[in-house]
Amino acid sequence: MTDCERLDMTWGSSASSGYCSQSDSEHELEQFYTARTSLRKTRKRKEKDEPVDCRNQELTLSEIQQKVKEYNAQVNSNLFMVLNRDGSYTGFIKVQFKLARPVSLPPPRSTSSSSSSGRDDSCQEDKALKQRTSFYLPRDTVKHLHISSSTRSREVIEALLRKFTVVDNPAKFSLFERSERHNQVYLRKLADDERPLFLRLCAGPNEKVLSLVLKENETGEVNWDAFSSPELQNFLRILQREEEDHVKQIVRRYALARDKMKEALKNFSTPG
């Protein structure tokens, strides 16, 4: 039975618009669902000491108070959550960057001051878009953000990009929930209106139970019409370089295999 088949036995969906795939390099099962998923057989296999998931519940003020108290009791640093009188709370989340493609930075600001017209400003903005520089962000990059219980995942993405002065459209990225269960690693894409700090509160501070990851959207989910012409041109150049590198790797691999076959043929033609 494959991992996807095991997953299908565990997770059920009211829509058929999800899929799962496994990465050979990271052994992570990725789940993408446009409809809310529901547990089928997990209840029978649920461990007795497994904490109750509160993410699908509306917590009362007393429940939030208890959750915040329990969370802070488990924190080994000063990254505590603070409860407000109105029931809202603030705290820290840690987001890991796992970006496969480069990000764009703005060009250096010009020190010369100018009193140009609105038309000149527009021309300067177009020129700045063309002068963007792209680089690969290290995959082990992490960032702590101090947010409130009302902060949505889309706002978290925008804040992360601002922290690193990344000028790419936030629609290119998504926030994922990463969890480890039954010796498997799972990724779930967060909806734009989900509240990451609420997820952190429900899961507790244990990173194995829940961690947050920033990744690119799947190609089929990107609204390319939302990007500017310079952004699309830059992305095409990046794709071309990646394609050329991939082709070179394939050519080298087949050339090496061809040389080995020719060497083997020489051994057959030579009397032993």
Protein backbone atom coordinates (compact mmCIF):
# COMPACT_ATOMS: atom_id res chain seq x y z
CA MET A 1 0.00 0.00 0.00
CA THR A 2 1.37 3.39 -0.98
CA ASP A 3 1.54 6.41 1.31
CA CYS A 4 -1.22 8.08 -0.67
CA GLU A 5 -3.43 5.01 -0.18
CA ARG A 6 -2.75 5.07 3.55
CA LEU A 7 -3.58 8.75 3.57
CA ASP A 8 -6.82 8.12 1.73
CA MET A 9 -7.85 5.64 4.43
CA THR A 10 -7.25 8.27 7.10
CA TRP A 11 -8.48 11.50 5.54
CA GLY A 12 -11.80 12.08 3.86
CA SER A 13 -13.05 15.10 1.95
CA SER A 14 -16.43 16.33 0.85
CA ALA A 15 -14.91 17.34 -2.49
CA SER A 16 -12.63 15.58 -4.96
CA SER A 17 -10.43 18.62 -5.58
CA GLY A 18 -7.52 17.55 -3.34
CA TYR A 19 -4.44 15.52 -4.08
CA CYS A 20 -1.42 14.24 -2.23
CA SER A 21 2.15 13.72 -3.38
CA GLN A 22 5.32 12.52 -1.69
CA SER A 23 8.72 14.16 -2.00
CA ASP A 24 11.52 11.57 -2.23
CA SER A 25 14.07 14.00 -0.83
CA GLU A 26 12.14 15.14 2.23
CA HIS A 27 9.62 12.28 2.71
CA GLU A 28 6.81 14.74 3.22
CA LEU A 29 3.21 14.12 2.29
CA GLU A 30 1.64 17.25 0.88
CA GLN A 31 -2.12 17.67 1.18
CA PHE A 32 -4.04 20.34 -0.70
CA TYR A 33 -7.79 20.55 -0.19
CA THR A 34 -10.28 23.15 -1.30
CA ALA A 35 -12.93 21.69 1.01
CA ARG A 36 -12.74 21.06 4.76
CA THR A 37 -11.39 17.58 5.52
CA SER A 38 -12.82 15.27 8.13
CA LEU A 39 -11.35 12.31 10.00
CA ARG A 40 -12.74 8.88 9.24
CA LYS A 41 -10.81 6.04 10.86
CA THR A 42 -8.39 8.08 12.90
CA ARG A 43 -10.61 7.99 15.97
CA LYS A 44 -10.15 4.22 16.32
CA ARG A 45 -6.36 4.50 16.17
CA LYS A 46 -6.12 7.66 18.27
CA GLU A 47 -3.72 7.41 21.18
CA LYS A 48 -5.19 7.99 24.61
CA ASP A 49 -2.60 10.60 25.50
CA GLU A 50 -2.97 12.52 22.22
CA PRO A 51 -4.12 16.12 22.92
CA VAL A 52 -7.55 17.19 21.77
CA ASP A 53 -7.42 19.40 18.69
CA CYS A 54 -9.26 22.68 19.31
CA ARG A 55 -8.74 24.18 15.86
CA ASN A 56 -12.27 23.43 14.70
CA GLN A 57 -13.83 24.78 17.87
CA GLU A 58 -14.79 28.22 19.09
CA LEU A 59 -13.08 28.72 22.43
CA THR A 60 -14.68 30.63 25.28
CA LEU A 61 -12.76 33.27 27.21
CA SER A 62 -12.09 30.86 30.08
CA GLU A 63 -10.85 28.21 27.62
CA ILE A 64 -8.53 30.72 25.98
CA GLN A 65 -7.20 31.74 29.38
CA GLN A 66 -6.50 28.11 30.24
CA LYS A 67 -4.85 27.47 26.86
CA VAL A 68 -2.59 30.51 27.20
CA LYS A 69 -1.63 29.45 30.72
CA GLU A 70 -0.80 25.92 29.57
CA TYR A 71 1.13 27.23 26.58
CA ASN A 72 3.30 29.60 28.63
CA ALA A 73 4.02 26.82 31.14
CA GLN A 74 5.63 24.79 28.33
CA VAL A 75 7.70 27.62 26.82
CA ASN A 76 11.43 27.44 27.56
CA SER A 77 12.18 30.94 26.25
CA ASN A 78 10.70 34.40 26.70
CA LEU A 79 8.36 33.97 23.70
CA PHE A 80 5.23 33.92 25.84
CA MET A 81 1.68 34.65 24.81
CA VAL A 82 -0.06 37.62 26.42
CA LEU A 83 -3.80 37.57 27.03
CA ASN A 84 -5.79 40.79 26.77
CA ARG A 85 -8.94 41.65 28.69
CA ASP A 86 -11.14 41.37 25.62
CA GLY A 87 -10.09 37.75 25.05
CA SER A 88 -7.62 38.50 22.26
CA TYR A 89 -4.00 37.56 22.71
CA THR A 90 -0.60 38.22 21.18
CA GLY A 91 2.43 35.99 20.78
CA PHE A 92 5.26 34.81 18.56
CA ILE A 93 5.25 32.41 15.64
CA LYS A 94 8.31 31.01 13.89
CA VAL A 95 8.15 30.55 10.12
CA GLN A 96 10.64 28.49 8.14
CA PHE A 97 11.36 29.47 4.53
CA LYS A 98 11.40 26.59 2.07
CA LEU A 99 11.49 28.42 -1.25
CA ALA A 100 12.59 26.60 -4.39
CA ARG A 101 12.78 29.72 -6.55
CA PRO A 102 14.64 33.01 -6.12
CA VAL A 103 13.01 36.11 -4.69
CA SER A 104 13.36 39.67 -5.92
CA LEU A 105 14.79 42.65 -4.05
CA PRO A 106 14.29 46.31 -4.97
CA PRO A 107 17.18 48.22 -6.59
CA PRO A 108 19.32 50.52 -4.41
CA ARG A 109 17.64 53.84 -3.73
CA SER A 110 19.06 56.83 -5.51
CA THR A 111 20.56 59.47 -3.18
CA SER A 112 19.75 62.33 -5.55
CA SER A 113 16.53 64.15 -4.78
CA SER A 114 14.19 65.15 -7.54
CA SER A 115 10.94 67.05 -7.86
CA SER A 116 9.64 65.15 -10.85
CA SER A 117 6.04 65.04 -11.99
CA GLY A 118 3.69 62.11 -11.59
CA ARG A 119 4.57 60.92 -15.09
CA ASP A 120 8.28 60.92 -14.24
CA ASP A 121 7.56 58.99 -11.05
CA SER A 122 5.74 56.36 -13.07
CA CYS A 123 8.70 56.02 -15.43
CA GLN A 124 11.04 55.67 -12.47
CA GLU A 125 8.86 52.90 -11.02
CA ASP A 126 8.97 51.00 -14.33
CA LYS A 127 12.74 51.41 -14.42
CA ALA A 128 13.03 50.18 -10.84
CA LEU A 129 11.02 47.06 -11.69
CA LYS A 130 13.47 46.23 -14.47
CA GLN A 131 16.46 46.75 -12.16
CA ARG A 132 15.32 44.25 -9.51
CA THR A 133 17.87 41.72 -8.36
CA SER A 134 16.99 38.09 -7.66
CA PHE A 135 18.65 35.68 -5.27
CA TYR A 136 17.97 32.36 -3.58
CA LEU A 137 16.96 32.59 0.07
CA PRO A 138 18.60 29.81 2.15
CA ARG A 139 16.12 27.00 2.82
CA ASP A 140 16.97 26.95 6.53
CA THR A 141 16.04 30.61 6.98
CA VAL A 142 13.62 31.18 9.88
CA LYS A 143 11.88 34.30 11.10
CA HIS A 144 9.99 35.05 14.31
CA LEU A 145 6.97 37.33 14.06
CA HIS A 146 5.00 38.94 16.88
CA ILE A 147 1.35 38.85 15.86
CA SER A 148 -2.11 38.92 17.41
CA SER A 149 -4.85 36.31 17.50
CA SER A 150 -6.69 38.20 14.75
CA THR A 151 -3.77 38.17 12.28
CA ARG A 152 -4.57 36.14 9.18
CA SER A 153 -2.15 33.93 7.26
CA ARG A 154 -2.18 36.29 4.25
CA GLU A 155 -1.10 39.15 6.54
CA VAL A 156 1.70 36.96 7.91
CA ILE A 157 3.00 36.35 4.38
CA GLU A 158 2.96 40.07 3.62
CA ALA A 159 4.78 40.85 6.88
CA LEU A 160 7.47 38.23 6.16
CA LEU A 161 8.11 39.65 2.70
CA ARG A 162 8.41 43.15 4.15
CA LYS A 163 10.90 41.92 6.78
CA PHE A 164 13.21 40.68 4.01
CA THR A 165 12.35 43.59 1.64
CA VAL A 166 11.10 41.07 -0.93
CA VAL A 167 9.11 42.83 -3.66
CA ASP A 168 7.52 39.74 -5.21
CA ASN A 169 3.74 39.62 -5.25
CA PRO A 170 2.47 37.95 -2.03
CA ALA A 171 0.05 35.92 -4.16
CA LYS A 172 3.03 33.81 -5.25
CA PHE A 173 3.41 32.36 -1.74
CA SER A 174 1.39 30.34 0.75
CA LEU A 175 1.74 29.47 4.41
CA PHE A 176 1.73 25.79 5.30
CA GLU A 177 1.16 23.91 8.52
CA ARG A 178 3.73 21.15 9.05
CA SER A 179 3.08 18.34 11.52
CA GLU A 180 4.52 14.95 12.39
CA ARG A 181 2.15 12.09 13.15
CA HIS A 182 2.69 8.34 13.22
CA ASN A 183 6.24 8.67 11.83
CA GLN A 184 4.99 10.70 8.86
CA VAL A 185 5.40 14.37 8.04
CA TYR A 186 2.35 16.22 6.72
CA LEU A 187 1.91 19.62 5.08
CA ARG A 188 -1.39 21.45 4.93
CA LYS A 189 -1.90 24.68 3.06
CA LEU A 190 -3.52 27.37 5.19
CA ALA A 191 -6.40 29.38 3.85
CA ASP A 192 -5.88 33.14 3.59
CA ASP A 193 -8.21 33.84 6.51
CA GLU A 194 -6.82 31.24 8.94
CA ARG A 195 -5.18 32.55 12.11
CA PRO A 196 -1.68 31.13 12.64
CA LEU A 197 -1.43 32.22 16.28
CA PHE A 198 -4.65 30.36 17.09
CA LEU A 199 -3.16 27.23 15.50
CA ARG A 200 -0.01 27.75 17.54
CA LEU A 201 -2.05 28.09 20.74
CA CYS A 202 -4.05 24.91 20.07
CA ALA A 203 -0.98 22.86 19.17
CA GLY A 204 1.27 24.19 21.91
CA PRO A 205 4.92 25.21 21.47
CA ASN A 206 6.13 21.78 20.28
CA GLU A 207 7.47 22.21 16.73
CA LYS A 208 6.88 18.54 15.90
CA VAL A 209 3.20 18.90 16.62
CA LEU A 210 2.98 22.02 14.48
CA SER A 211 5.38 24.32 12.66
CA LEU A 212 4.80 26.93 9.97
CA VAL A 213 6.47 26.91 6.56
CA LEU A 214 6.47 29.49 3.76
CA LYS A 215 6.49 27.99 0.27
CA GLU A 216 5.64 28.99 -3.27
CA ASN A 217 2.19 28.33 -4.62
CA GLU A 218 1.78 25.52 -7.09
CA THR A 219 2.10 26.75 -10.68
CA GLY A 220 -1.52 25.95 -11.46
CA GLU A 221 -2.72 28.10 -8.56
CA VAL A 222 -0.86 31.29 -9.50
CA ASN A 223 -2.83 34.12 -11.06
CA TRP A 224 -0.26 35.27 -13.62
CA ASP A 225 -2.44 38.18 -14.71
CA ALA A 226 -1.78 39.81 -11.33
CA PHE A 227 1.95 40.23 -12.08
CA SER A 228 3.62 43.06 -13.93
CA SER A 229 5.40 42.60 -17.26
CA PRO A 230 8.92 42.97 -15.74
CA GLU A 231 8.07 40.36 -13.11
CA LEU A 232 6.91 37.89 -15.75
CA GLN A 233 9.98 38.56 -17.91
CA ASN A 234 12.27 37.98 -14.94
CA PHE A 235 10.46 34.76 -14.08
CA LEU A 236 10.80 33.53 -17.67
CA ARG A 237 14.56 34.16 -17.54
CA ILE A 238 14.81 32.17 -14.32
CA LEU A 239 12.84 29.30 -15.84
CA GLN A 240 15.08 29.33 -18.89
CA ARG A 241 18.22 29.07 -16.74
CA GLU A 242 16.70 26.22 -14.73
CA GLU A 243 15.69 24.43 -17.92
CA GLU A 244 19.18 24.80 -19.40
CA ASP A 245 20.79 23.47 -16.23
CA HIS A 246 18.40 20.54 -16.17
CA VAL A 247 19.09 19.71 -19.82
CA LYS A 248 22.85 19.79 -19.17
CA GLN A 249 22.46 17.35 -16.29
CA ILE A 250 20.44 14.96 -18.45
CA VAL A 251 22.94 15.18 -21.32
CA ARG A 252 25.85 14.46 -18.96
CA ARG A 253 24.02 11.49 -17.46
CA TYR A 254 23.27 9.91 -20.84
CA ALA A 255 26.77 10.67 -22.11
CA LEU A 256 28.23 8.85 -19.12
CA ALA A 257 25.92 5.87 -19.70
CA ARG A 258 26.85 5.83 -23.38
CA ASP A 259 30.58 5.80 -22.57
CA LYS A 260 30.12 2.88 -20.19
CA MET A 261 28.20 0.91 -22.83
CA LYS A 262 30.94 1.55 -25.42
CA GLU A 263 33.58 0.40 -22.94
CA ALA A 264 31.57 -2.76 -22.30
CA LEU A 265 31.35 -3.41 -26.06
CA LYS A 266 35.14 -3.13 -26.36
CA ASN A 267 35.51 -5.86 -23.76
CA PHE A 268 33.24 -8.14 -25.81
CA SER A 269 35.26 -7.59 -28.99
CA THR A 270 38.57 -8.25 -27.26
CA PRO A 271 39.43 -11.98 -26.95
CA GLY A 272 39.58 -13.05 -23.34
